[in-house]
């Protein structure tokens, strides 16, 4: 089973402006802590976050704000 076959769930933090940013990602039953938000950008329909997650690697997550749906669009593992 590939990483993209899992259901994606998010735990987010809403700062003082109410802007959500990911803090934890669930891939199926696996919980992955977001260590750092490296970058973020907006499109008319989506918000994107490039995040560094604990020991696993770098992810790009896409949030569809209209339907509140998250997707994993890129995963890059950390070198050993």
PDB file of N, CA and C in Angstrom:
ATOM      1  N   UNK A   1       0.862  -1.175   0.000  1.00  0.00           N
ATOM      2  CA  UNK A   1       0.000   0.000   0.000  1.00  0.00           C
ATOM      3  C   UNK A   1       0.904   1.232   0.000  1.00  0.00           C
ATOM      4  N   UNK A   2       0.644   2.158  -0.881  1.00  0.00           N
ATOM      5  CA  UNK A   2       1.462   3.371  -0.928  1.00  0.00           C
ATOM      6  C   UNK A   2       0.932   4.398   0.055  1.00  0.00           C
ATOM      7  N   UNK A   3       1.760   5.386   0.333  1.00  0.00           N
ATOM      8  CA  UNK A   3       1.380   6.463   1.254  1.00  0.00           C
ATOM      9  C   UNK A   3       0.159   7.230   0.739  1.00  0.00           C
ATOM     10  N   UNK A   4      -0.049   7.254  -0.580  1.00  0.00           N
ATOM     11  CA  UNK A   4      -1.157   8.012  -1.147  1.00  0.00           C
ATOM     12  C   UNK A   4      -2.483   7.265  -1.054  1.00  0.00           C
ATOM     13  N   UNK A   5      -2.464   5.977  -0.649  1.00  0.00           N
ATOM     14  CA  UNK A   5      -3.687   5.197  -0.523  1.00  0.00           C
ATOM     15  C   UNK A   5      -4.408   5.434   0.800  1.00  0.00           C
ATOM     16  N   UNK A   6      -3.780   6.123   1.735  1.00  0.00           N
ATOM     17  CA  UNK A   6      -4.355   6.337   3.058  1.00  0.00           C
ATOM     18  C   UNK A   6      -5.325   7.510   3.060  1.00  0.00           C
ATOM     19  N   UNK A   7      -6.299   7.427   3.972  1.00  0.00           N
ATOM     20  CA  UNK A   7      -7.138   8.590   4.233  1.00  0.00           C
ATOM     21  C   UNK A   7      -6.285   9.615   4.967  1.00  0.00           C
ATOM     22  N   UNK A   8      -6.396  10.871   4.579  1.00  0.00           N
ATOM     23  CA  UNK A   8      -5.636  11.957   5.193  1.00  0.00           C
ATOM     24  C   UNK A   8      -6.557  12.697   6.163  1.00  0.00           C
ATOM     25  N   UNK A   9      -6.105  12.837   7.398  1.00  0.00           N
ATOM     26  CA  UNK A   9      -6.805  13.669   8.375  1.00  0.00           C
ATOM     27  C   UNK A   9      -5.793  14.629   8.957  1.00  0.00           C
ATOM     28  N   UNK A  10      -6.263  15.783   9.387  1.00  0.00           N
ATOM     29  CA  UNK A  10      -5.371  16.823   9.885  1.00  0.00           C
ATOM     30  C   UNK A  10      -5.811  17.307  11.257  1.00  0.00           C
ATOM     31  N   UNK A  11      -4.837  17.669  12.056  1.00  0.00           N
ATOM     32  CA  UNK A  11      -5.063  18.440  13.281  1.00  0.00           C
ATOM     33  C   UNK A  11      -4.406  19.783  13.014  1.00  0.00           C
ATOM     34  N   UNK A  12      -5.154  20.843  13.175  1.00  0.00           N
ATOM     35  CA  UNK A  12      -4.652  22.172  12.828  1.00  0.00           C
ATOM     36  C   UNK A  12      -4.671  23.095  14.032  1.00  0.00           C
ATOM     37  N   UNK A  13      -3.894  24.140  13.918  1.00  0.00           N
ATOM     38  CA  UNK A  13      -3.850  25.202  14.912  1.00  0.00           C
ATOM     39  C   UNK A  13      -4.349  26.472  14.238  1.00  0.00           C
ATOM     40  N   UNK A  14      -5.265  27.159  14.884  1.00  0.00           N
ATOM     41  CA  UNK A  14      -5.749  28.438  14.375  1.00  0.00           C
ATOM     42  C   UNK A  14      -5.119  29.541  15.217  1.00  0.00           C
ATOM     43  N   UNK A  15      -4.266  30.346  14.606  1.00  0.00           N
ATOM     44  CA  UNK A  15      -3.575  31.428  15.305  1.00  0.00           C
ATOM     45  C   UNK A  15      -4.494  32.598  15.596  1.00  0.00           C
ATOM     46  N   UNK A  16      -3.909  33.696  15.961  1.00  0.00           N
ATOM     47  CA  UNK A  16      -4.681  34.872  16.348  1.00  0.00           C
ATOM     48  C   UNK A  16      -5.543  35.418  15.214  1.00  0.00           C
ATOM     49  N   UNK A  17      -5.181  35.146  13.979  1.00  0.00           N
ATOM     50  CA  UNK A  17      -5.990  35.588  12.825  1.00  0.00           C
ATOM     51  C   UNK A  17      -7.024  34.541  12.425  1.00  0.00           C
ATOM     52  N   UNK A  18      -7.026  33.391  13.098  1.00  0.00           N
ATOM     53  CA  UNK A  18      -7.957  32.328  12.747  1.00  0.00           C
ATOM     54  C   UNK A  18      -7.492  31.502  11.557  1.00  0.00           C
ATOM     55  N   UNK A  19      -6.305  31.771  11.039  1.00  0.00           N
ATOM     56  CA  UNK A  19      -5.761  31.043   9.895  1.00  0.00           C
ATOM     57  C   UNK A  19      -5.255  29.688  10.352  1.00  0.00           C
ATOM     58  N   UNK A  20      -5.810  28.621   9.805  1.00  0.00           N
ATOM     59  CA  UNK A  20      -5.408  27.285  10.205  1.00  0.00           C
ATOM     60  C   UNK A  20      -4.085  26.898   9.574  1.00  0.00           C
ATOM     61  N   UNK A  21      -3.258  26.191  10.340  1.00  0.00           N
ATOM     62  CA  UNK A  21      -2.067  25.583   9.769  1.00  0.00           C
ATOM     63  C   UNK A  21      -1.900  24.204  10.390  1.00  0.00           C
ATOM     64  N   UNK A  22      -1.406  23.258   9.613  1.00  0.00           N
ATOM     65  CA  UNK A  22      -1.334  21.877  10.090  1.00  0.00           C
ATOM     66  C   UNK A  22      -0.330  21.691  11.227  1.00  0.00           C
ATOM     67  N   UNK A  23      -0.707  20.864  12.204  1.00  0.00           N
ATOM     68  CA  UNK A  23       0.159  20.518  13.331  1.00  0.00           C
ATOM     69  C   UNK A  23       0.424  19.015  13.394  1.00  0.00           C
ATOM     70  N   UNK A  24      -0.512  18.229  12.888  1.00  0.00           N
ATOM     71  CA  UNK A  24      -0.381  16.766  12.893  1.00  0.00           C
ATOM     72  C   UNK A  24      -1.135  16.227  11.682  1.00  0.00           C
ATOM     73  N   UNK A  25      -0.543  15.209  11.045  1.00  0.00           N
ATOM     74  CA  UNK A  25      -1.135  14.561   9.874  1.00  0.00           C
ATOM     75  C   UNK A  25      -1.400  13.109  10.239  1.00  0.00           C
ATOM     76  N   UNK A  26      -2.575  12.599   9.900  1.00  0.00           N
ATOM     77  CA  UNK A  26      -2.858  11.182  10.048  1.00  0.00           C
ATOM     78  C   UNK A  26      -2.944  10.578   8.658  1.00  0.00           C
ATOM     79  N   UNK A  27      -2.119   9.579   8.418  1.00  0.00           N
ATOM     80  CA  UNK A  27      -2.166   8.787   7.192  1.00  0.00           C
ATOM     81  C   UNK A  27      -2.700   7.421   7.605  1.00  0.00           C
ATOM     82  N   UNK A  28      -3.985   7.220   7.385  1.00  0.00           N
ATOM     83  CA  UNK A  28      -4.622   6.029   7.928  1.00  0.00           C
ATOM     84  C   UNK A  28      -4.604   6.129   9.441  1.00  0.00           C
ATOM     85  N   UNK A  29      -4.020   5.150  10.111  1.00  0.00           N
ATOM     86  CA  UNK A  29      -3.925   5.154  11.575  1.00  0.00           C
ATOM     87  C   UNK A  29      -2.612   5.760  12.071  1.00  0.00           C
ATOM     88  N   UNK A  30      -1.704   6.090  11.159  1.00  0.00           N
ATOM     89  CA  UNK A  30      -0.395   6.616  11.550  1.00  0.00           C
ATOM     90  C   UNK A  30      -0.464   8.124  11.776  1.00  0.00           C
ATOM     91  N   UNK A  31       0.006   8.560  12.930  1.00  0.00           N
ATOM     92  CA  UNK A  31       0.028   9.974  13.292  1.00  0.00           C
ATOM     93  C   UNK A  31       1.440  10.518  13.086  1.00  0.00           C
ATOM     94  N   UNK A  32       1.556  11.628  12.368  1.00  0.00           N
ATOM     95  CA  UNK A  32       2.853  12.238  12.073  1.00  0.00           C
ATOM     96  C   UNK A  32       2.816  13.693  12.534  1.00  0.00           C
ATOM     97  N   UNK A  33       3.768  14.076  13.372  1.00  0.00           N
ATOM     98  CA  UNK A  33       3.830  15.430  13.914  1.00  0.00           C
ATOM     99  C   UNK A  33       4.500  16.363  12.905  1.00  0.00           C
ATOM    100  N   UNK A  34       3.890  17.527  12.698  1.00  0.00           N
ATOM    101  CA  UNK A  34       4.494  18.571  11.865  1.00  0.00           C
ATOM    102  C   UNK A  34       5.503  19.316  12.732  1.00  0.00           C
ATOM    103  N   UNK A  35       6.774  19.203  12.376  1.00  0.00           N
ATOM    104  CA  UNK A  35       7.829  19.865  13.141  1.00  0.00           C
ATOM    105  C   UNK A  35       7.943  21.336  12.771  1.00  0.00           C
ATOM    106  N   UNK A  36       7.704  21.650  11.474  1.00  0.00           N
ATOM    107  CA  UNK A  36       7.876  23.032  11.011  1.00  0.00           C
ATOM    108  C   UNK A  36       7.096  23.254   9.718  1.00  0.00           C
ATOM    109  N   UNK A  37       6.443  24.395   9.619  1.00  0.00           N
ATOM    110  CA  UNK A  37       5.849  24.823   8.355  1.00  0.00           C
ATOM    111  C   UNK A  37       6.935  25.578   7.597  1.00  0.00           C
ATOM    112  N   UNK A  38       7.394  25.014   6.491  1.00  0.00           N
ATOM    113  CA  UNK A  38       8.501  25.589   5.727  1.00  0.00           C
ATOM    114  C   UNK A  38       8.045  26.695   4.787  1.00  0.00           C
ATOM    115  N   UNK A  39       6.838  26.544   4.250  1.00  0.00           N
ATOM    116  CA  UNK A  39       6.316  27.522   3.291  1.00  0.00           C
ATOM    117  C   UNK A  39       4.805  27.367   3.227  1.00  0.00           C
ATOM    118  N   UNK A  40       4.141  28.370   2.732  1.00  0.00           N
ATOM    119  CA  UNK A  40       2.691  28.326   2.508  1.00  0.00           C
ATOM    120  C   UNK A  40       2.355  29.269   1.367  1.00  0.00           C
ATOM    121  N   UNK A  41       1.347  28.925   0.597  1.00  0.00           N
ATOM    122  CA  UNK A  41       0.909  29.799  -0.476  1.00  0.00           C
ATOM    123  C   UNK A  41      -0.560  29.549  -0.764  1.00  0.00           C
ATOM    124  N   UNK A  42      -1.180  30.541  -1.358  1.00  0.00           N
ATOM    125  CA  UNK A  42      -2.614  30.517  -1.629  1.00  0.00           C
ATOM    126  C   UNK A  42      -2.869  30.478  -3.121  1.00  0.00           C
ATOM    127  N   UNK A  43      -3.923  29.790  -3.492  1.00  0.00           N
ATOM    128  CA  UNK A  43      -4.464  29.868  -4.834  1.00  0.00           C
ATOM    129  C   UNK A  43      -5.928  30.261  -4.662  1.00  0.00           C
ATOM    130  N   UNK A  44      -6.628  30.577  -5.720  1.00  0.00           N
ATOM    131  CA  UNK A  44      -8.038  30.965  -5.540  1.00  0.00           C
ATOM    132  C   UNK A  44      -8.897  29.885  -4.874  1.00  0.00           C
ATOM    133  N   UNK A  45      -8.574  28.618  -5.078  1.00  0.00           N
ATOM    134  CA  UNK A  45      -9.407  27.540  -4.560  1.00  0.00           C
ATOM    135  C   UNK A  45      -8.774  26.760  -3.395  1.00  0.00           C
ATOM    136  N   UNK A  46      -7.462  26.871  -3.217  1.00  0.00           N
ATOM    137  CA  UNK A  46      -6.763  26.032  -2.252  1.00  0.00           C
ATOM    138  C   UNK A  46      -5.713  26.817  -1.476  1.00  0.00           C
ATOM    139  N   UNK A  47      -5.344  26.248  -0.338  1.00  0.00           N
ATOM    140  CA  UNK A  47      -4.178  26.717   0.415  1.00  0.00           C
ATOM    141  C   UNK A  47      -3.191  25.561   0.444  1.00  0.00           C
ATOM    142  N   UNK A  48      -1.925  25.862   0.277  1.00  0.00           N
ATOM    143  CA  UNK A  48      -0.878  24.841   0.264  1.00  0.00           C
ATOM    144  C   UNK A  48       0.085  25.094   1.411  1.00  0.00           C
ATOM    145  N   UNK A  49       0.570  23.995   1.997  1.00  0.00           N
ATOM    146  CA  UNK A  49       1.558  24.064   3.064  1.00  0.00           C
ATOM    147  C   UNK A  49       2.674  23.085   2.751  1.00  0.00           C
ATOM    148  N   UNK A  50       3.903  23.569   2.801  1.00  0.00           N
ATOM    149  CA  UNK A  50       5.065  22.694   2.714  1.00  0.00           C
ATOM    150  C   UNK A  50       5.556  22.525   4.137  1.00  0.00           C
ATOM    151  N   UNK A  51       5.529  21.280   4.625  1.00  0.00           N
ATOM    152  CA  UNK A  51       5.842  21.034   6.027  1.00  0.00           C
ATOM    153  C   UNK A  51       6.932  19.980   6.172  1.00  0.00           C
ATOM    154  N   UNK A  52       7.696  20.120   7.238  1.00  0.00           N
ATOM    155  CA  UNK A  52       8.684  19.132   7.642  1.00  0.00           C
ATOM    156  C   UNK A  52       8.065  18.351   8.790  1.00  0.00           C
ATOM    157  N   UNK A  53       7.984  17.038   8.630  1.00  0.00           N
ATOM    158  CA  UNK A  53       7.342  16.198   9.647  1.00  0.00           C
ATOM    159  C   UNK A  53       8.357  15.317  10.332  1.00  0.00           C
ATOM    160  N   UNK A  54       8.356  15.343  11.640  1.00  0.00           N
ATOM    161  CA  UNK A  54       9.258  14.604  12.527  1.00  0.00           C
ATOM    162  C   UNK A  54      10.401  13.960  11.757  1.00  0.00           C
ATOM    163  N   UNK A  55      10.530  12.670  11.779  1.00  0.00           N
ATOM    164  CA  UNK A  55      11.672  12.020  11.126  1.00  0.00           C
ATOM    165  C   UNK A  55      11.337  11.488   9.731  1.00  0.00           C
ATOM    166  N   UNK A  56      10.128  11.726   9.241  1.00  0.00           N
ATOM    167  CA  UNK A  56       9.722  11.071   7.995  1.00  0.00           C
ATOM    168  C   UNK A  56      10.110  11.830   6.740  1.00  0.00           C
ATOM    169  N   UNK A  57       9.976  13.146   6.718  1.00  0.00           N
ATOM    170  CA  UNK A  57      10.340  13.893   5.527  1.00  0.00           C
ATOM    171  C   UNK A  57       9.529  15.155   5.335  1.00  0.00           C
ATOM    172  N   UNK A  58       9.507  15.609   4.086  1.00  0.00           N
ATOM    173  CA  UNK A  58       8.834  16.840   3.694  1.00  0.00           C
ATOM    174  C   UNK A  58       7.555  16.490   2.940  1.00  0.00           C
ATOM    175  N   UNK A  59       6.504  17.213   3.263  1.00  0.00           N
ATOM    176  CA  UNK A  59       5.195  16.988   2.644  1.00  0.00           C
ATOM    177  C   UNK A  59       4.692  18.309   2.086  1.00  0.00           C
ATOM    178  N   UNK A  60       3.929  18.233   0.999  1.00  0.00           N
ATOM    179  CA  UNK A  60       3.125  19.371   0.565  1.00  0.00           C
ATOM    180  C   UNK A  60       1.679  18.940   0.699  1.00  0.00           C
ATOM    181  N   UNK A  61       0.940  19.716   1.483  1.00  0.00           N
ATOM    182  CA  UNK A  61      -0.454  19.440   1.789  1.00  0.00           C
ATOM    183  C   UNK A  61      -1.325  20.506   1.159  1.00  0.00           C
ATOM    184  N   UNK A  62      -2.422  20.088   0.578  1.00  0.00           N
ATOM    185  CA  UNK A  62      -3.353  21.022  -0.066  1.00  0.00           C
ATOM    186  C   UNK A  62      -4.683  20.987   0.665  1.00  0.00           C
ATOM    187  N   UNK A  63      -5.175  22.165   0.995  1.00  0.00           N
ATOM    188  CA  UNK A  63      -6.453  22.292   1.705  1.00  0.00           C
ATOM    189  C   UNK A  63      -7.454  22.970   0.789  1.00  0.00           C
ATOM    190  N   UNK A  64      -8.538  22.268   0.471  1.00  0.00           N
ATOM    191  CA  UNK A  64      -9.644  22.856  -0.284  1.00  0.00           C
ATOM    192  C   UNK A  64     -10.542  23.539   0.738  1.00  0.00           C
ATOM    193  N   UNK A  65     -10.483  24.853   0.774  1.00  0.00           N
ATOM    194  CA  UNK A  65     -11.186  25.614   1.813  1.00  0.00           C
ATOM    195  C   UNK A  65     -12.704  25.588   1.638  1.00  0.00           C
ATOM    196  N   UNK A  66     -13.179  25.363   0.410  1.00  0.00           N
ATOM    197  CA  UNK A  66     -14.625  25.370   0.176  1.00  0.00           C
ATOM    198  C   UNK A  66     -15.323  24.150   0.774  1.00  0.00           C
ATOM    199  N   UNK A  67     -14.647  23.002   0.749  1.00  0.00           N
ATOM    200  CA  UNK A  67     -15.252  21.781   1.277  1.00  0.00           C
ATOM    201  C   UNK A  67     -14.484  21.228   2.477  1.00  0.00           C
ATOM    202  N   UNK A  68     -13.459  21.962   2.943  1.00  0.00           N
ATOM    203  CA  UNK A  68     -12.635  21.576   4.083  1.00  0.00           C
ATOM    204  C   UNK A  68     -12.061  20.170   3.908  1.00  0.00           C
ATOM    205  N   UNK A  69     -11.377  19.962   2.778  1.00  0.00           N
ATOM    206  CA  UNK A  69     -10.788  18.669   2.441  1.00  0.00           C
ATOM    207  C   UNK A  69      -9.279  18.829   2.267  1.00  0.00           C
ATOM    208  N   UNK A  70      -8.503  17.924   2.872  1.00  0.00           N
ATOM    209  CA  UNK A  70      -7.046  17.939   2.777  1.00  0.00           C
ATOM    210  C   UNK A  70      -6.565  16.836   1.856  1.00  0.00           C
ATOM    211  N   UNK A  71      -5.486  17.115   1.107  1.00  0.00           N
ATOM    212  CA  UNK A  71      -4.850  16.124   0.251  1.00  0.00           C
ATOM    213  C   UNK A  71      -3.341  16.212   0.404  1.00  0.00           C
ATOM    214  N   UNK A  72      -2.697  15.073   0.269  1.00  0.00           N
ATOM    215  CA  UNK A  72      -1.246  15.014   0.217  1.00  0.00           C
ATOM    216  C   UNK A  72      -0.853  15.093  -1.247  1.00  0.00           C
ATOM    217  N   UNK A  73      -0.118  16.141  -1.630  1.00  0.00           N
ATOM    218  CA  UNK A  73       0.245  16.301  -3.034  1.00  0.00           C
ATOM    219  C   UNK A  73       1.701  15.948  -3.316  1.00  0.00           C
ATOM    220  N   UNK A  74       2.549  15.899  -2.272  1.00  0.00           N
ATOM    221  CA  UNK A  74       3.949  15.516  -2.466  1.00  0.00           C
ATOM    222  C   UNK A  74       4.503  14.982  -1.159  1.00  0.00           C
ATOM    223  N   UNK A  75       5.327  13.947  -1.273  1.00  0.00           N
ATOM    224  CA  UNK A  75       6.071  13.430  -0.130  1.00  0.00           C
ATOM    225  C   UNK A  75       7.494  13.189  -0.582  1.00  0.00           C
ATOM    226  N   UNK A  76       8.438  13.695   0.200  1.00  0.00           N
ATOM    227  CA  UNK A  76       9.858  13.480  -0.062  1.00  0.00           C
ATOM    228  C   UNK A  76      10.476  12.972   1.233  1.00  0.00           C
ATOM    229  N   UNK A  77      10.971  11.741   1.198  1.00  0.00           N
ATOM    230  CA  UNK A  77      11.537  11.166   2.428  1.00  0.00           C
ATOM    231  C   UNK A  77      12.875  11.787   2.757  1.00  0.00           C
ATOM    232  N   UNK A  78      13.207  11.758   4.030  1.00  0.00           N
ATOM    233  CA  UNK A  78      14.495  12.267   4.495  1.00  0.00           C
ATOM    234  C   UNK A  78      15.577  11.250   4.164  1.00  0.00           C
ATOM    235  N   UNK A  79      16.740  11.722   3.764  1.00  0.00           N
ATOM    236  CA  UNK A  79      17.831  10.771   3.543  1.00  0.00           C
ATOM    237  C   UNK A  79      18.274  10.142   4.864  1.00  0.00           C
ATOM    238  N   UNK A  80      18.672   8.889   4.797  1.00  0.00           N
ATOM    239  CA  UNK A  80      19.112   8.177   6.012  1.00  0.00           C
ATOM    240  C   UNK A  80      20.495   8.581   6.410  1.00  0.00           C
TER     241      UNK A  80
END
